[in-house]
C-alpha atoms as a PDB file:
ATOM      1  CA  MET A   1       0.000   0.000   0.000  1.00  0.00           C
ATOM      2  CA  SER A   2       1.284   3.441  -0.849  1.00  0.00           C
ATOM      3  CA  THR A   3      -0.122   6.838   0.090  1.00  0.00           C
ATOM      4  CA  ASP A   4       0.228  10.354  -1.171  1.00  0.00           C
ATOM      5  CA  THR A   5      -0.392  12.303   2.014  1.00  0.00           C
ATOM      6  CA  HIS A   6      -1.013  15.613   0.264  1.00  0.00           C
ATOM      7  CA  HIS A   7      -4.287  14.316  -1.165  1.00  0.00           C
ATOM      8  CA  ASN A   8      -4.826  11.443   1.287  1.00  0.00           C
ATOM      9  CA  VAL A   9      -4.709   8.839  -1.439  1.00  0.00           C
ATOM     10  CA  TYR A  10      -4.596   5.202  -0.374  1.00  0.00           C
ATOM     11  CA  ASP A  11      -3.501   2.829  -3.110  1.00  0.00           C
ATOM     12  CA  PHE A  12      -3.889  -0.962  -2.850  1.00  0.00           C
ATOM     13  CA  PRO A  13      -2.302  -2.455  -5.974  1.00  0.00           C
ATOM     14  CA  ASN A  14      -2.400  -6.022  -4.584  1.00  0.00           C
ATOM     15  CA  CYS A  15      -6.074  -5.943  -3.643  1.00  0.00           C
ATOM     16  CA  ARG A  16      -8.269  -8.382  -5.595  1.00  0.00           C
ATOM     17  CA  SER A  17     -11.669  -7.521  -4.112  1.00  0.00           C
ATOM     18  CA  ILE A  18     -13.355  -4.756  -2.122  1.00  0.00           C
ATOM     19  CA  VAL A  19     -16.008  -5.169   0.564  1.00  0.00           C
ATOM     20  CA  ILE A  20     -17.964  -2.311   2.151  1.00  0.00           C
ATOM     21  CA  CYS A  21     -19.221  -2.976   5.679  1.00  0.00           C
ATOM     22  CA  GLY A  22     -21.881  -1.205   7.762  1.00  0.00           C
ATOM     23  CA  ASP A  23     -21.394   0.038  11.341  1.00  0.00           C
ATOM     24  CA  ILE A  24     -19.469  -2.326  13.600  1.00  0.00           C
ATOM     25  CA  HIS A  25     -19.828  -0.455  16.944  1.00  0.00           C
ATOM     26  CA  GLY A  26     -16.625  -1.785  18.482  1.00  0.00           C
ATOM     27  CA  ASP A  27     -16.914  -5.396  17.302  1.00  0.00           C
ATOM     28  CA  PHE A  28     -13.443  -5.391  15.733  1.00  0.00           C
ATOM     29  CA  ASN A  29     -12.658  -9.033  16.519  1.00  0.00           C
ATOM     30  CA  LEU A  30     -16.001 -10.157  15.084  1.00  0.00           C
ATOM     31  CA  LEU A  31     -15.291  -8.130  11.931  1.00  0.00           C
ATOM     32  CA  VAL A  32     -11.901  -9.787  11.415  1.00  0.00           C
ATOM     33  CA  ASN A  33     -13.386 -13.195  12.193  1.00  0.00           C
ATOM     34  CA  LYS A  34     -16.181 -12.744   9.627  1.00  0.00           C
ATOM     35  CA  VAL A  35     -13.769 -11.587   6.938  1.00  0.00           C
ATOM     36  CA  CYS A  36     -10.925 -14.037   7.512  1.00  0.00           C
ATOM     37  CA  VAL A  37     -12.654 -17.106   8.969  1.00  0.00           C
ATOM     38  CA  GLN A  38     -16.381 -17.140   8.179  1.00  0.00           C
ATOM     39  CA  TYR A  39     -16.133 -15.836   4.597  1.00  0.00           C
ATOM     40  CA  GLN A  40     -12.470 -16.811   4.135  1.00  0.00           C
ATOM     41  CA  LEU A  41     -11.768 -13.662   2.121  1.00  0.00           C
ATOM     42  CA  LYS A  42      -8.269 -13.166   0.765  1.00  0.00           C
ATOM     43  CA  ASP A  43      -6.524 -10.168  -0.872  1.00  0.00           C
ATOM     44  CA  THR A  44      -9.557  -8.102   0.149  1.00  0.00           C
ATOM     45  CA  LEU A  45      -9.877  -4.484   1.166  1.00  0.00           C
ATOM     46  CA  VAL A  46     -12.649  -3.909   3.729  1.00  0.00           C
ATOM     47  CA  ILE A  47     -13.979  -0.368   4.158  1.00  0.00           C
ATOM     48  CA  VAL A  48     -16.085   0.202   7.297  1.00  0.00           C
ATOM     49  CA  ALA A  49     -18.602   2.994   6.647  1.00  0.00           C
ATOM     50  CA  GLY A  50     -18.317   4.664  10.077  1.00  0.00           C
ATOM     51  CA  ASP A  51     -19.432   3.981  13.658  1.00  0.00           C
ATOM     52  CA  CYS A  52     -16.388   1.804  14.127  1.00  0.00           C
ATOM     53  CA  GLY A  53     -16.200   2.472  17.860  1.00  0.00           C
ATOM     54  CA  PHE A  54     -12.876   4.310  18.233  1.00  0.00           C
ATOM     55  CA  GLY A  55     -12.585   6.431  21.365  1.00  0.00           C
ATOM     56  CA  PHE A  56     -14.658   4.661  23.999  1.00  0.00           C
ATOM     57  CA  GLU A  57     -11.540   2.866  25.256  1.00  0.00           C
ATOM     58  CA  ARG A  58      -7.906   3.876  25.674  1.00  0.00           C
ATOM     59  CA  LYS A  59      -5.681   3.869  22.576  1.00  0.00           C
ATOM     60  CA  LEU A  60      -3.803   0.796  23.823  1.00  0.00           C
ATOM     61  CA  TYR A  61      -7.036  -1.181  23.602  1.00  0.00           C
ATOM     62  CA  TYR A  62      -7.220  -0.601  19.821  1.00  0.00           C
ATOM     63  CA  GLU A  63      -3.494  -1.248  19.357  1.00  0.00           C
ATOM     64  CA  ASP A  64      -4.013  -4.547  21.138  1.00  0.00           C
ATOM     65  CA  ILE A  65      -6.800  -5.548  18.713  1.00  0.00           C
ATOM     66  CA  VAL A  66      -4.370  -4.961  15.825  1.00  0.00           C
ATOM     67  CA  ARG A  67      -1.668  -7.014  17.537  1.00  0.00           C
ATOM     68  CA  ARG A  68      -4.014  -9.906  18.312  1.00  0.00           C
ATOM     69  CA  ASN A  69      -5.364 -10.082  14.750  1.00  0.00           C
ATOM     70  CA  ALA A  70      -2.146  -9.334  12.856  1.00  0.00           C
ATOM     71  CA  LYS A  71      -1.203 -12.939  12.034  1.00  0.00           C
ATOM     72  CA  ARG A  72      -4.630 -13.884  10.716  1.00  0.00           C
ATOM     73  CA  VAL A  73      -4.978 -10.703   8.637  1.00  0.00           C
ATOM     74  CA  ASN A  74      -1.422 -10.936   7.257  1.00  0.00           C
ATOM     75  CA  GLU A  75      -1.899 -14.566   6.232  1.00  0.00           C
ATOM     76  CA  SER A  76      -5.129 -13.805   4.371  1.00  0.00           C
ATOM     77  CA  ASN A  77      -3.638 -10.576   2.948  1.00  0.00           C
ATOM     78  CA  ASN A  78      -6.615  -8.395   3.889  1.00  0.00           C
ATOM     79  CA  TRP A  79      -6.773  -4.694   4.792  1.00  0.00           C
ATOM     80  CA  PHE A  80      -9.238  -2.689   6.891  1.00  0.00           C
ATOM     81  CA  LEU A  81      -9.966   1.009   6.390  1.00  0.00           C
ATOM     82  CA  PHE A  82     -12.172   2.816   8.896  1.00  0.00           C
ATOM     83  CA  ILE A  83     -14.273   5.897   8.109  1.00  0.00           C
ATOM     84  CA  ARG A  84     -15.308   8.307  10.864  1.00  0.00           C
ATOM     85  CA  GLY A  85     -18.817   7.825  12.260  1.00  0.00           C
ATOM     86  CA  ASN A  86     -20.647   9.673  15.026  1.00  0.00           C
ATOM     87  CA  HIS A  87     -19.697   6.867  17.445  1.00  0.00           C
ATOM     88  CA  ASP A  88     -16.014   7.606  16.845  1.00  0.00           C
ATOM     89  CA  ASN A  89     -13.521  10.104  18.239  1.00  0.00           C
ATOM     90  CA  PRO A  90     -12.498  12.252  15.209  1.00  0.00           C
ATOM     91  CA  ALA A  91      -8.947  12.534  16.642  1.00  0.00           C
ATOM     92  CA  TYR A  92      -8.274   8.963  15.475  1.00  0.00           C
ATOM     93  CA  PHE A  93      -9.092   9.875  11.851  1.00  0.00           C
ATOM     94  CA  ASP A  94      -6.171  12.122  10.883  1.00  0.00           C
ATOM     95  CA  GLY A  95      -4.362   9.411   8.921  1.00  0.00           C
ATOM     96  CA  LYS A  96      -1.536   9.250  11.475  1.00  0.00           C
ATOM     97  CA  THR A  97      -2.930   8.451  14.937  1.00  0.00           C
ATOM     98  CA  PHE A  98      -4.183   4.989  14.023  1.00  0.00           C
ATOM     99  CA  ARG A  99      -2.181   3.792  11.067  1.00  0.00           C
ATOM    100  CA  HIS A 100      -0.958   0.239  10.747  1.00  0.00           C
ATOM    101  CA  LYS A 101      -0.052  -1.889   7.762  1.00  0.00           C
ATOM    102  CA  ARG A 102      -3.455  -3.598   7.762  1.00  0.00           C
ATOM    103  CA  PHE A 103      -5.674  -1.265   9.822  1.00  0.00           C
ATOM    104  CA  ILE A 104      -6.018   2.480   9.165  1.00  0.00           C
ATOM    105  CA  CYS A 105      -8.449   5.173  10.302  1.00  0.00           C
ATOM    106  CA  ILE A 106      -8.620   7.410   7.243  1.00  0.00           C
ATOM    107  CA  PRO A 107      -9.401  11.144   7.154  1.00  0.00           C
ATOM    108  CA  ASP A 108     -12.504  12.602   5.494  1.00  0.00           C
ATOM    109  CA  TYR A 109     -12.062  13.197   1.762  1.00  0.00           C
ATOM    110  CA  SER A 110      -9.646  10.324   1.393  1.00  0.00           C
ATOM    111  CA  VAL A 111      -9.422   8.725  -2.042  1.00  0.00           C
ATOM    112  CA  VAL A 112      -8.975   4.948  -2.142  1.00  0.00           C
ATOM    113  CA  LYS A 113      -7.698   3.255  -5.287  1.00  0.00           C
ATOM    114  CA  ALA A 114      -8.094  -0.505  -5.464  1.00  0.00           C
ATOM    115  CA  ASN A 115      -9.168  -3.195  -7.898  1.00  0.00           C
ATOM    116  CA  GLU A 116      -9.862  -0.696 -10.722  1.00  0.00           C
ATOM    117  CA  HIS A 117     -12.089   1.425  -8.456  1.00  0.00           C
ATOM    118  CA  THR A 118     -11.600   4.991  -7.248  1.00  0.00           C
ATOM    119  CA  ILE A 119     -13.502   5.527  -4.011  1.00  0.00           C
ATOM    120  CA  LEU A 120     -14.172   8.784  -2.151  1.00  0.00           C
ATOM    121  CA  CYS A 121     -14.665   8.395   1.630  1.00  0.00           C
ATOM    122  CA  ILE A 122     -16.334  11.035   3.829  1.00  0.00           C
ATOM    123  CA  GLY A 123     -17.322  10.442   7.450  1.00  0.00           C
ATOM    124  CA  GLY A 124     -19.433  12.121  10.121  1.00  0.00           C
ATOM    125  CA  ALA A 125     -23.061  12.347  11.260  1.00  0.00           C
ATOM    126  CA  VAL A 126     -25.192  13.658  14.131  1.00  0.00           C
ATOM    127  CA  SER A 127     -25.742  11.321  17.100  1.00  0.00           C
ATOM    128  CA  ILE A 128     -29.433  11.163  17.888  1.00  0.00           C
ATOM    129  CA  ASP A 129     -28.489   9.694  21.305  1.00  0.00           C
ATOM    130  CA  ARG A 130     -25.952  12.451  22.076  1.00  0.00           C
ATOM    131  CA  GLN A 131     -27.779  13.817  25.133  1.00  0.00           C
ATOM    132  CA  SER A 132     -27.970  10.463  26.890  1.00  0.00           C
ATOM    133  CA  ARG A 133     -24.340   9.704  26.029  1.00  0.00           C
ATOM    134  CA  LYS A 134     -23.166  13.012  27.513  1.00  0.00           C
ATOM    135  CA  GLU A 135     -25.178  12.369  30.691  1.00  0.00           C
ATOM    136  CA  ALA A 136     -23.897   8.787  30.970  1.00  0.00           C
ATOM    137  CA  TRP A 137     -20.306  10.037  30.647  1.00  0.00           C
ATOM    138  CA  GLU A 138     -20.804  12.622  33.402  1.00  0.00           C
ATOM    139  CA  ARG A 139     -22.228   9.935  35.670  1.00  0.00           C
ATOM    140  CA  ASN A 140     -19.281   7.691  34.852  1.00  0.00           C
ATOM    141  CA  GLN A 141     -16.772  10.478  35.634  1.00  0.00           C
ATOM    142  CA  LYS A 142     -18.387  11.323  38.974  1.00  0.00           C
ATOM    143  CA  LYS A 143     -18.370   7.675  39.932  1.00  0.00           C
ATOM    144  CA  MET A 144     -14.711   7.302  38.998  1.00  0.00           C
ATOM    145  CA  HIS A 145     -13.693  10.765  40.327  1.00  0.00           C
ATOM    146  CA  ARG A 146     -11.659  11.219  37.154  1.00  0.00           C
ATOM    147  CA  TYR A 147     -11.139  14.707  35.838  1.00  0.00           C
ATOM    148  CA  ILE A 148      -8.419  15.773  33.435  1.00  0.00           C
ATOM    149  CA  HIS A 149      -6.437  18.778  34.582  1.00  0.00           C
ATOM    150  CA  ASN A 150      -3.261  18.266  32.607  1.00  0.00           C
ATOM    151  CA  SER A 151      -3.174  19.142  28.915  1.00  0.00           C
ATOM    152  CA  SER A 152      -1.110  16.271  27.570  1.00  0.00           C
ATOM    153  CA  SER A 153      -1.114  15.277  23.920  1.00  0.00           C
ATOM    154  CA  ASP A 154      -3.105  12.194  24.909  1.00  0.00           C
ATOM    155  CA  GLU A 155      -5.994  14.314  26.117  1.00  0.00           C
ATOM    156  CA  LEU A 156      -7.599  14.273  22.653  1.00  0.00           C
ATOM    157  CA  LEU A 157      -7.629  10.486  22.806  1.00  0.00           C
ATOM    158  CA  TYR A 158      -8.872  10.243  26.390  1.00  0.00           C
ATOM    159  CA  PRO A 159     -11.837   7.843  26.430  1.00  0.00           C
ATOM    160  CA  ASN A 160     -15.264   9.444  26.154  1.00  0.00           C
ATOM    161  CA  TYR A 161     -18.806   8.586  25.052  1.00  0.00           C
ATOM    162  CA  TYR A 162     -19.416  11.605  22.811  1.00  0.00           C
ATOM    163  CA  TRP A 163     -17.415  14.011  20.622  1.00  0.00           C
ATOM    164  CA  GLN A 164     -18.561  17.516  19.731  1.00  0.00           C
ATOM    165  CA  ASP A 165     -17.123  17.687  16.189  1.00  0.00           C
ATOM    166  CA  GLU A 166     -19.020  14.635  14.920  1.00  0.00           C
ATOM    167  CA  THR A 167     -20.925  16.160  11.991  1.00  0.00           C
ATOM    168  CA  PRO A 168     -19.948  15.763   8.327  1.00  0.00           C
ATOM    169  CA  VAL A 169     -17.962  18.658   6.853  1.00  0.00           C
ATOM    170  CA  LEU A 170     -18.537  20.194   3.423  1.00  0.00           C
ATOM    171  CA  ASN A 171     -15.108  20.809   1.915  1.00  0.00           C
ATOM    172  CA  GLU A 172     -15.749  22.277  -1.538  1.00  0.00           C
ATOM    173  CA  GLU A 173     -12.055  22.817  -2.202  1.00  0.00           C
ATOM    174  CA  ALA A 174     -11.267  19.149  -1.575  1.00  0.00           C
ATOM    175  CA  LEU A 175     -14.222  18.054  -3.715  1.00  0.00           C
ATOM    176  CA  SER A 176     -13.209  20.114  -6.732  1.00  0.00           C
ATOM    177  CA  GLU A 177      -9.583  19.060  -6.361  1.00  0.00           C
ATOM    178  CA  ILE A 178     -10.515  15.382  -6.151  1.00  0.00           C
ATOM    179  CA  THR A 179     -12.932  15.459  -9.093  1.00  0.00           C
ATOM    180  CA  SER A 180     -10.371  17.257 -11.244  1.00  0.00           C
ATOM    181  CA  LEU A 181      -7.706  14.670 -10.465  1.00  0.00           C
ATOM    182  CA  TYR A 182      -9.629  11.394 -10.304  1.00  0.00           C
ATOM    183  CA  LYS A 183     -12.584   9.659 -11.900  1.00  0.00           C
ATOM    184  CA  VAL A 184     -14.423   8.722  -8.706  1.00  0.00           C
ATOM    185  CA  ASP A 185     -16.848   5.831  -9.345  1.00  0.00           C
ATOM    186  CA  THR A 186     -17.855   5.009  -5.753  1.00  0.00           C
ATOM    187  CA  VAL A 187     -18.646   7.090  -2.673  1.00  0.00           C
ATOM    188  CA  VAL A 188     -18.642   5.721   0.875  1.00  0.00           C
ATOM    189  CA  THR A 189     -20.060   7.956   3.631  1.00  0.00           C
ATOM    190  CA  HIS A 190     -21.452   7.413   7.095  1.00  0.00           C
ATOM    191  CA  THR A 191     -24.778   9.209   6.639  1.00  0.00           C
ATOM    192  CA  ALA A 192     -26.607   9.994   3.382  1.00  0.00           C
ATOM    193  CA  PRO A 193     -28.240  12.753   1.315  1.00  0.00           C
ATOM    194  CA  SER A 194     -31.791  13.739   2.322  1.00  0.00           C
ATOM    195  CA  PHE A 195     -33.463  11.978  -0.629  1.00  0.00           C
ATOM    196  CA  CYS A 196     -32.142   8.592   0.588  1.00  0.00           C
ATOM    197  CA  GLU A 197     -33.615   6.449   3.321  1.00  0.00           C
ATOM    198  CA  LEU A 198     -33.926   6.702   6.272  1.00  0.00           C
ATOM    199  CA  GLN A 199     -36.521   9.446   6.020  1.00  0.00           C
ATOM    200  CA  ASN A 200     -38.943   8.324   8.698  1.00  0.00           C
ATOM    201  CA  LYS A 201     -38.531  10.605  11.746  1.00  0.00           C
ATOM    202  CA  ASN A 202     -40.350   8.439  14.309  1.00  0.00           C
ATOM    203  CA  GLY A 203     -37.242   7.235  16.142  1.00  0.00           C
ATOM    204  CA  LEU A 204     -35.752  10.707  15.946  1.00  0.00           C
ATOM    205  CA  LEU A 205     -38.742  12.444  17.562  1.00  0.00           C
ATOM    206  CA  GLN A 206     -38.332  10.346  20.725  1.00  0.00           C
ATOM    207  CA  TRP A 207     -34.720  11.483  21.108  1.00  0.00           C
ATOM    208  CA  ALA A 208     -35.617  15.102  20.300  1.00  0.00           C
ATOM    209  CA  ILE A 209     -37.810  15.365  23.416  1.00  0.00           C
ATOM    210  CA  GLY A 210     -34.729  15.921  25.584  1.00  0.00           C
ATOM    211  CA  ASP A 211     -32.588  17.625  22.927  1.00  0.00           C
ATOM    212  CA  ASP A 212     -33.920  20.936  21.609  1.00  0.00           C
ATOM    213  CA  SER A 213     -31.646  21.403  18.609  1.00  0.00           C
ATOM    214  CA  LEU A 214     -31.530  17.766  17.475  1.00  0.00           C
ATOM    215  CA  LEU A 215     -34.054  18.009  14.628  1.00  0.00           C
ATOM    216  CA  ASP A 216     -32.373  21.121  13.202  1.00  0.00           C
ATOM    217  CA  ASP A 217     -28.919  19.563  13.494  1.00  0.00           C
ATOM    218  CA  VAL A 218     -30.010  16.371  11.745  1.00  0.00           C
ATOM    219  CA  GLN A 219     -31.581  18.425   8.955  1.00  0.00           C
ATOM    220  CA  LYS A 220     -28.331  20.390   8.558  1.00  0.00           C
ATOM    221  CA  GLU A 221     -26.371  17.132   8.450  1.00  0.00           C
ATOM    222  CA  ARG A 222     -28.492  15.824   5.557  1.00  0.00           C
ATOM    223  CA  GLU A 223     -28.227  19.194   3.764  1.00  0.00           C
ATOM    224  CA  ILE A 224     -24.422  18.940   3.941  1.00  0.00           C
ATOM    225  CA  MET A 225     -24.685  15.507   2.315  1.00  0.00           C
ATOM    226  CA  ASP A 226     -26.985  16.984  -0.368  1.00  0.00           C
ATOM    227  CA  ALA A 227     -24.357  19.647  -1.070  1.00  0.00           C
ATOM    228  CA  ILE A 228     -21.629  16.996  -1.345  1.00  0.00           C
ATOM    229  CA  TYR A 229     -23.848  15.015  -3.753  1.00  0.00           C
ATOM    230  CA  GLU A 230     -24.595  18.116  -5.874  1.00  0.00           C
ATOM    231  CA  ALA A 231     -20.906  19.061  -6.050  1.00  0.00           C
ATOM    232  CA  LEU A 232     -19.954  15.542  -7.123  1.00  0.00           C
ATOM    233  CA  LYS A 233     -22.774  15.390  -9.665  1.00  0.00           C
ATOM    234  CA  THR A 234     -21.751  18.739 -11.163  1.00  0.00           C
ATOM    235  CA  ASP A 235     -18.055  17.961 -11.374  1.00  0.00           C
ATOM    236  CA  SER A 236     -18.180  14.256 -12.098  1.00  0.00           C
ATOM    237  CA  ASP A 237     -20.490  12.034 -14.120  1.00  0.00           C
ATOM    238  CA  THR A 238     -18.538   8.894 -13.275  1.00  0.00           C
ATOM    239  CA  ILE A 239     -20.162   7.953  -9.939  1.00  0.00           C
ATOM    240  CA  THR A 240     -22.209   4.756 -10.091  1.00  0.00           C
ATOM    241  CA  HIS A 241     -22.398   3.601  -6.442  1.00  0.00           C
ATOM    242  CA  TRP A 242     -22.838   5.266  -3.040  1.00  0.00           C
ATOM    243  CA  TYR A 243     -22.684   3.243   0.193  1.00  0.00           C
ATOM    244  CA  TYR A 244     -23.481   4.361   3.747  1.00  0.00           C
ATOM    245  CA  GLY A 245     -24.341   3.004   7.207  1.00  0.00           C
ATOM    246  CA  HIS A 246     -25.618   4.959  10.236  1.00  0.00           C
ATOM    247  CA  PHE A 247     -29.309   4.009  10.151  1.00  0.00           C
ATOM    248  CA  HIS A 248     -28.991   0.354  11.180  1.00  0.00           C
ATOM    249  CA  GLN A 249     -31.209  -0.838   8.338  1.00  0.00           C
ATOM    250  CA  SER A 250     -30.746  -2.267   4.868  1.00  0.00           C
ATOM    251  CA  TRP A 251     -32.040  -0.540   1.723  1.00  0.00           C
ATOM    252  CA  ARG A 252     -31.050   0.133  -1.861  1.00  0.00           C
ATOM    253  CA  SER A 253     -32.375   2.221  -4.724  1.00  0.00           C
ATOM    254  CA  SER A 254     -31.133   3.638  -8.007  1.00  0.00           C
ATOM    255  CA  ILE A 255     -31.507   7.434  -8.004  1.00  0.00           C
ATOM    256  CA  ASN A 256     -30.407   9.576 -10.973  1.00  0.00           C
ATOM    257  CA  GLY A 257     -28.167   6.799 -12.224  1.00  0.00           C
ATOM    258  CA  VAL A 258     -26.449   6.185  -8.872  1.00  0.00           C
ATOM    259  CA  MET A 259     -27.100   3.003  -6.903  1.00  0.00           C
ATOM    260  CA  PHE A 260     -27.505   4.076  -3.262  1.00  0.00           C
ATOM    261  CA  LYS A 261     -27.070   1.300  -0.711  1.00  0.00           C
ATOM    262  CA  MET A 262     -27.694   1.604   3.019  1.00  0.00           C
ATOM    263  CA  LEU A 263     -25.851  -1.042   5.039  1.00  0.00           C
ATOM    264  CA  ASP A 264     -27.149  -2.521   8.273  1.00  0.00           C
ATOM    265  CA  ILE A 265     -24.863  -3.208  11.242  1.00  0.00           C
ATOM    266  CA  MET A 266     -22.097  -5.611  10.132  1.00  0.00           C
ATOM    267  CA  GLU A 267     -23.707  -6.012   6.682  1.00  0.00           C
ATOM    268  CA  PHE A 268     -21.192  -6.747   3.917  1.00  0.00           C
ATOM    269  CA  ILE A 269     -21.450  -5.947   0.231  1.00  0.00           C
ATOM    270  CA  GLU A 270     -18.852  -6.659  -2.415  1.00  0.00           C
ATOM    271  CA  LEU A 271     -17.924  -3.936  -4.869  1.00  0.00           C
ATOM    272  CA  ASN A 272     -17.825  -5.583  -8.274  1.00  0.00           C
ATOM    273  CA  PRO A 273     -14.859  -4.849 -10.541  1.00  0.00           C
END
């Protein structure tokens, strides 16, 4: 694998197949087991479409998962790329903090080249359960009497249940740069444009009772995704597939020539050459 850090390009010349996976919510060992043992995939790049579960534990915990699974993943020659979800600490997704040969948290607007595909990856979403997660963390901290007073470099990675800067970001500069340089055929995001499912607000309304700005924030999140879609559509007519997670359901539909696919938790789909 080689990378060009200026554009966050991840190139996998030895990859023979690509699998997109829905949210895994911390089940890293199960993910590796499914890929390497249950499905016996080899030479495969797995892209997790957000809500990976980085940040709830200390950094050593995630390093340990890599160490424990290294032999199995090396032998099957598979790679795992993680996109930022709203159940992830964004500090892990700078391309440097969690970067191993086989496991990498990639930044938003990363371009992945593998198996004749060019894939644009953009993370982020609004947590509908953010209020209860903040309250649970405060309760946890009081119980443990743990408060950070020192400003060490590890503070950004200190375990938490919620992270303020979770929403997707519209980066028009990056979009125009990427579409001018590459023929992107596939997009992988955590949430989706507003014209995609899920559109039913029933579950959301329950959470909004204790969170005044939730409905507005979720609407803004989907509008950002609409703007990303419009920018890509304007600058590029090469996109055929768009995958996302977040909603914990499965759905697909062809819209304006793009096949949109929502992935359920731990749902796999192969990207055909």
